[in-house]
Amino acid sequence: FSPSISFGFPIYAQQAYENPREANGRLVCANCHLAQKPTEFEAPTSVLPDTVFETVVKIPYDLSKKQILGTGEKGGLNVGALVILPEGFQLAPKTRLDKELVAKTKGVYISPYS
């Protein structure tokens, strides 16, 4: 058995939902297999203008769980988070990140929601 077409959640969510927050306030991510997972979010309580700061999202899950990859082999789960920045906030350009933050974020992929 080999699926001819498969859609991953992020692409599906972006095509099905214009806004990442539903009318009832629920995030569209709650519609996937990680919907009931506890999450931890760390962020500063206040920041000065034009300041680079770090936020951390942790989703504890069983690393031994596998999914079927596009090649048909078993591989690690795709796990991600949706972070909605407050109005006026934006991601810092890579040129503003210090060496420590560049090293911490190596292998982390960020894409706009829509």
N, C-alpha and C. Protein backbone atom coordinates (compact mmCIF):
# COMPACT_ATOMS: atom_id res chain seq x y z
N PHE A 1 0.84 -1.19 0.00
CA PHE A 1 0.00 0.00 0.00
C PHE A 1 0.89 1.25 0.00
N SER A 2 0.63 2.13 -0.93
CA SER A 2 1.37 3.38 -0.98
C SER A 2 0.40 4.51 -1.30
N PRO A 3 0.27 5.49 -0.39
CA PRO A 3 -0.67 6.57 -0.66
C PRO A 3 -0.21 7.41 -1.85
N SER A 4 -1.14 7.79 -2.69
CA SER A 4 -0.76 8.60 -3.84
C SER A 4 -0.66 10.08 -3.47
N ILE A 5 -1.48 10.52 -2.52
CA ILE A 5 -1.44 11.90 -2.07
C ILE A 5 -1.59 11.92 -0.56
N SER A 6 -0.79 12.71 0.11
CA SER A 6 -0.96 12.88 1.55
C SER A 6 -0.72 14.34 1.88
N PHE A 7 -1.48 14.85 2.84
CA PHE A 7 -1.36 16.24 3.24
C PHE A 7 -0.94 16.30 4.70
N GLY A 8 0.08 17.09 5.01
CA GLY A 8 0.51 17.27 6.40
C GLY A 8 -0.33 18.37 7.03
N PHE A 9 -0.41 18.36 8.35
CA PHE A 9 -1.24 19.32 9.06
C PHE A 9 -0.95 20.78 8.74
N PRO A 10 0.32 21.24 8.80
CA PRO A 10 0.52 22.68 8.60
C PRO A 10 -0.04 23.18 7.27
N ILE A 11 0.16 22.43 6.21
CA ILE A 11 -0.36 22.86 4.91
C ILE A 11 -1.88 22.80 4.92
N TYR A 12 -2.43 21.72 5.48
CA TYR A 12 -3.88 21.59 5.56
C TYR A 12 -4.47 22.75 6.35
N ALA A 13 -3.89 23.05 7.50
CA ALA A 13 -4.44 24.11 8.35
C ALA A 13 -4.39 25.45 7.64
N GLN A 14 -3.30 25.73 6.95
CA GLN A 14 -3.19 27.01 6.28
C GLN A 14 -4.17 27.12 5.12
N GLN A 15 -4.51 26.00 4.49
CA GLN A 15 -5.46 26.05 3.39
C GLN A 15 -6.90 26.08 3.90
N ALA A 16 -7.14 25.45 5.04
CA ALA A 16 -8.51 25.34 5.56
C ALA A 16 -8.90 26.52 6.45
N TYR A 17 -7.93 27.18 7.07
CA TYR A 17 -8.23 28.25 8.02
C TYR A 17 -7.43 29.50 7.64
N GLU A 18 -8.12 30.57 7.35
CA GLU A 18 -7.43 31.81 7.00
C GLU A 18 -6.71 32.39 8.21
N ASN A 19 -7.33 32.25 9.37
CA ASN A 19 -6.80 32.78 10.62
C ASN A 19 -6.46 31.60 11.52
N PRO A 20 -5.30 31.61 12.21
CA PRO A 20 -4.96 30.46 13.05
C PRO A 20 -5.84 30.31 14.29
N ARG A 21 -6.64 31.32 14.61
CA ARG A 21 -7.53 31.26 15.77
C ARG A 21 -8.97 31.18 15.27
N GLU A 22 -9.69 30.15 15.70
CA GLU A 22 -11.08 29.98 15.31
C GLU A 22 -11.95 31.02 16.03
N ALA A 23 -13.18 31.17 15.61
CA ALA A 23 -14.08 32.17 16.19
C ALA A 23 -14.27 31.98 17.70
N ASN A 24 -14.20 30.75 18.18
CA ASN A 24 -14.37 30.49 19.61
C ASN A 24 -13.07 30.65 20.40
N GLY A 25 -11.99 31.07 19.75
CA GLY A 25 -10.71 31.29 20.41
C GLY A 25 -9.78 30.10 20.36
N ARG A 26 -10.29 28.97 19.96
CA ARG A 26 -9.48 27.75 19.89
C ARG A 26 -8.51 27.87 18.72
N LEU A 27 -7.27 27.40 18.91
CA LEU A 27 -6.29 27.41 17.83
C LEU A 27 -6.55 26.23 16.90
N VAL A 28 -6.32 26.43 15.62
CA VAL A 28 -6.55 25.36 14.65
C VAL A 28 -5.69 24.15 14.93
N CYS A 29 -4.58 24.33 15.63
CA CYS A 29 -3.71 23.21 15.98
C CYS A 29 -4.44 22.19 16.86
N ALA A 30 -5.49 22.61 17.52
CA ALA A 30 -6.23 21.71 18.39
C ALA A 30 -6.97 20.64 17.59
N ASN A 31 -6.94 20.71 16.28
CA ASN A 31 -7.62 19.73 15.44
C ASN A 31 -6.71 18.57 15.06
N CYS A 32 -5.46 18.57 15.52
CA CYS A 32 -4.54 17.50 15.11
C CYS A 32 -4.31 16.51 16.23
N HIS A 33 -3.42 15.55 16.00
CA HIS A 33 -3.16 14.48 16.96
C HIS A 33 -2.47 14.96 18.22
N LEU A 34 -1.93 16.17 18.25
CA LEU A 34 -1.30 16.69 19.45
C LEU A 34 -2.24 17.59 20.25
N ALA A 35 -3.51 17.61 19.88
CA ALA A 35 -4.46 18.54 20.49
C ALA A 35 -4.53 18.45 22.01
N GLN A 36 -4.38 17.29 22.55
CA GLN A 36 -4.53 17.13 23.99
C GLN A 36 -3.20 17.09 24.73
N LYS A 37 -2.12 17.39 24.07
CA LYS A 37 -0.81 17.37 24.71
C LYS A 37 -0.61 18.63 25.55
N PRO A 38 -0.07 18.48 26.74
CA PRO A 38 0.26 19.68 27.53
C PRO A 38 1.44 20.38 26.89
N THR A 39 1.46 21.68 26.96
CA THR A 39 2.57 22.44 26.42
C THR A 39 3.10 23.39 27.48
N GLU A 40 4.34 23.75 27.33
CA GLU A 40 4.97 24.73 28.21
C GLU A 40 5.46 25.88 27.33
N PHE A 41 5.22 27.10 27.78
CA PHE A 41 5.62 28.28 27.01
C PHE A 41 6.36 29.22 27.95
N GLU A 42 7.56 29.59 27.58
CA GLU A 42 8.37 30.52 28.37
C GLU A 42 8.62 31.78 27.55
N ALA A 43 8.32 32.92 28.15
CA ALA A 43 8.55 34.21 27.49
C ALA A 43 8.74 35.27 28.56
N PRO A 44 9.45 36.32 28.23
CA PRO A 44 9.61 37.40 29.22
C PRO A 44 8.26 38.08 29.48
N THR A 45 8.10 38.59 30.69
CA THR A 45 6.84 39.27 31.02
C THR A 45 6.79 40.68 30.46
N SER A 46 7.94 41.26 30.18
CA SER A 46 7.98 42.57 29.53
C SER A 46 9.28 42.71 28.77
N VAL A 47 9.25 43.50 27.72
CA VAL A 47 10.45 43.74 26.91
C VAL A 47 10.51 45.21 26.52
N LEU A 48 11.71 45.68 26.32
CA LEU A 48 11.90 47.06 25.84
C LEU A 48 11.77 47.09 24.33
N PRO A 49 11.42 48.24 23.77
CA PRO A 49 11.33 48.34 22.29
C PRO A 49 12.66 48.00 21.64
N ASP A 50 12.59 47.42 20.46
CA ASP A 50 13.75 47.07 19.64
C ASP A 50 14.71 46.14 20.37
N THR A 51 14.15 45.21 21.13
CA THR A 51 14.92 44.25 21.90
C THR A 51 14.72 42.85 21.33
N VAL A 52 15.79 42.09 21.20
CA VAL A 52 15.70 40.69 20.78
C VAL A 52 15.55 39.85 22.04
N PHE A 53 14.52 39.02 22.09
CA PHE A 53 14.29 38.15 23.24
C PHE A 53 13.92 36.76 22.76
N GLU A 54 13.98 35.82 23.67
CA GLU A 54 13.75 34.42 23.33
C GLU A 54 12.44 33.93 23.96
N THR A 55 11.70 33.14 23.20
CA THR A 55 10.56 32.40 23.75
C THR A 55 10.85 30.92 23.52
N VAL A 56 10.33 30.09 24.40
CA VAL A 56 10.56 28.65 24.31
C VAL A 56 9.21 27.95 24.41
N VAL A 57 8.95 27.05 23.46
CA VAL A 57 7.74 26.23 23.49
C VAL A 57 8.21 24.78 23.64
N LYS A 58 7.69 24.10 24.66
CA LYS A 58 8.04 22.71 24.88
C LYS A 58 6.78 21.86 24.79
N ILE A 59 6.86 20.78 24.03
CA ILE A 59 5.76 19.83 23.90
C ILE A 59 6.32 18.46 24.28
N PRO A 60 6.15 18.07 25.55
CA PRO A 60 6.68 16.76 25.93
C PRO A 60 5.88 15.63 25.29
N TYR A 61 6.57 14.72 24.64
CA TYR A 61 5.90 13.57 24.02
C TYR A 61 6.87 12.41 23.98
N ASP A 62 6.36 11.24 23.76
CA ASP A 62 7.15 10.01 23.73
C ASP A 62 7.97 9.97 22.45
N LEU A 63 9.28 10.11 22.59
CA LEU A 63 10.18 10.15 21.43
C LEU A 63 10.28 8.80 20.72
N SER A 64 9.78 7.74 21.36
CA SER A 64 9.83 6.43 20.70
C SER A 64 8.68 6.26 19.70
N LYS A 65 7.67 7.12 19.74
CA LYS A 65 6.55 7.04 18.79
C LYS A 65 7.05 7.40 17.40
N LYS A 66 6.56 6.70 16.41
CA LYS A 66 6.98 6.91 15.02
C LYS A 66 5.78 7.17 14.13
N GLN A 67 6.05 7.75 12.97
CA GLN A 67 5.03 7.94 11.94
C GLN A 67 5.57 7.37 10.63
N ILE A 68 4.67 7.15 9.69
CA ILE A 68 5.08 6.67 8.38
C ILE A 68 5.47 7.89 7.54
N LEU A 69 6.68 7.89 7.03
CA LEU A 69 7.18 8.99 6.22
C LEU A 69 6.73 8.85 4.77
N GLY A 70 6.96 9.85 3.97
CA GLY A 70 6.61 9.82 2.56
C GLY A 70 7.28 8.70 1.80
N THR A 71 8.40 8.23 2.32
CA THR A 71 9.13 7.13 1.68
C THR A 71 8.57 5.77 2.07
N GLY A 72 7.63 5.76 3.01
CA GLY A 72 7.07 4.51 3.50
C GLY A 72 7.80 3.97 4.71
N GLU A 73 8.90 4.60 5.10
CA GLU A 73 9.65 4.17 6.27
C GLU A 73 9.10 4.83 7.52
N LYS A 74 9.45 4.27 8.69
CA LYS A 74 9.06 4.87 9.95
C LYS A 74 10.08 5.94 10.33
N GLY A 75 9.58 7.06 10.86
CA GLY A 75 10.45 8.14 11.27
C GLY A 75 9.86 8.89 12.44
N GLY A 76 10.58 9.86 12.95
CA GLY A 76 10.11 10.66 14.08
C GLY A 76 8.85 11.45 13.74
N LEU A 77 8.10 11.78 14.78
CA LEU A 77 6.88 12.57 14.59
C LEU A 77 7.21 14.00 14.20
N ASN A 78 6.37 14.58 13.37
CA ASN A 78 6.46 16.01 13.08
C ASN A 78 5.76 16.73 14.24
N VAL A 79 6.50 17.54 14.95
CA VAL A 79 5.94 18.25 16.09
C VAL A 79 6.25 19.72 15.90
N GLY A 80 5.26 20.56 16.11
CA GLY A 80 5.48 21.99 15.95
C GLY A 80 4.54 22.78 16.83
N ALA A 81 4.67 24.07 16.78
CA ALA A 81 3.84 24.95 17.59
C ALA A 81 3.46 26.17 16.78
N LEU A 82 2.36 26.75 17.14
CA LEU A 82 1.90 27.99 16.53
C LEU A 82 2.03 29.08 17.58
N VAL A 83 2.83 30.10 17.29
CA VAL A 83 3.02 31.22 18.21
C VAL A 83 2.47 32.46 17.53
N ILE A 84 1.51 33.09 18.16
CA ILE A 84 0.91 34.32 17.62
C ILE A 84 1.56 35.49 18.34
N LEU A 85 2.29 36.29 17.59
CA LEU A 85 2.96 37.45 18.18
C LEU A 85 1.97 38.58 18.42
N PRO A 86 2.15 39.32 19.51
CA PRO A 86 1.28 40.48 19.74
C PRO A 86 1.44 41.52 18.63
N GLU A 87 0.45 42.35 18.46
CA GLU A 87 0.50 43.39 17.44
C GLU A 87 1.75 44.26 17.64
N GLY A 88 2.45 44.52 16.55
CA GLY A 88 3.65 45.34 16.60
C GLY A 88 4.93 44.54 16.78
N PHE A 89 4.83 43.26 17.14
CA PHE A 89 6.01 42.42 17.31
C PHE A 89 6.32 41.72 16.00
N GLN A 90 7.61 41.44 15.78
CA GLN A 90 8.02 40.69 14.60
C GLN A 90 9.26 39.88 14.94
N LEU A 91 9.52 38.85 14.15
CA LEU A 91 10.72 38.05 14.36
C LEU A 91 11.95 38.89 14.05
N ALA A 92 12.97 38.72 14.86
CA ALA A 92 14.21 39.45 14.63
C ALA A 92 14.92 38.86 13.42
N PRO A 93 15.50 39.70 12.58
CA PRO A 93 16.29 39.17 11.47
C PRO A 93 17.51 38.42 12.02
N LYS A 94 17.97 37.43 11.29
CA LYS A 94 19.09 36.61 11.76
C LYS A 94 20.33 37.44 12.07
N THR A 95 20.47 38.58 11.43
CA THR A 95 21.64 39.43 11.66
C THR A 95 21.62 40.04 13.07
N ARG A 96 20.45 40.04 13.72
CA ARG A 96 20.34 40.61 15.08
C ARG A 96 20.52 39.55 16.17
N LEU A 97 20.60 38.28 15.80
CA LEU A 97 20.74 37.21 16.79
C LEU A 97 22.19 37.04 17.21
N ASP A 98 22.42 36.86 18.52
CA ASP A 98 23.79 36.60 18.97
C ASP A 98 24.16 35.15 18.66
N LYS A 99 25.45 34.83 18.79
CA LYS A 99 25.94 33.49 18.43
C LYS A 99 25.26 32.39 19.21
N GLU A 100 24.96 32.64 20.49
CA GLU A 100 24.32 31.63 21.33
C GLU A 100 22.92 31.31 20.81
N LEU A 101 22.17 32.34 20.45
CA LEU A 101 20.80 32.13 19.94
C LEU A 101 20.82 31.48 18.56
N VAL A 102 21.79 31.82 17.74
CA VAL A 102 21.93 31.18 16.44
C VAL A 102 22.18 29.68 16.63
N ALA A 103 23.04 29.33 17.58
CA ALA A 103 23.33 27.91 17.85
C ALA A 103 22.09 27.20 18.40
N LYS A 104 21.35 27.85 19.30
CA LYS A 104 20.15 27.24 19.88
C LYS A 104 19.07 26.98 18.84
N THR A 105 18.96 27.84 17.85
CA THR A 105 17.88 27.73 16.88
C THR A 105 18.28 26.97 15.61
N LYS A 106 19.49 26.42 15.60
CA LYS A 106 19.92 25.64 14.44
C LYS A 106 18.97 24.44 14.28
N GLY A 107 18.44 24.26 13.09
CA GLY A 107 17.51 23.16 12.83
C GLY A 107 16.06 23.49 13.15
N VAL A 108 15.80 24.70 13.64
CA VAL A 108 14.43 25.15 13.91
C VAL A 108 13.95 25.91 12.68
N TYR A 109 12.79 25.51 12.19
CA TYR A 109 12.26 26.14 10.99
C TYR A 109 11.02 26.94 11.35
N ILE A 110 11.00 28.19 10.93
CA ILE A 110 9.88 29.08 11.21
C ILE A 110 9.31 29.52 9.88
N SER A 111 8.00 29.43 9.75
CA SER A 111 7.35 29.90 8.53
C SER A 111 6.12 30.69 8.92
N PRO A 112 5.78 31.70 8.15
CA PRO A 112 4.56 32.46 8.42
C PRO A 112 3.35 31.56 8.27
N TYR A 113 2.30 31.86 9.01
CA TYR A 113 1.11 31.01 9.00
C TYR A 113 0.47 30.96 7.62
N SER A 114 0.29 32.12 7.01
CA SER A 114 -0.37 32.11 5.71
C SER A 114 0.36 32.94 4.69
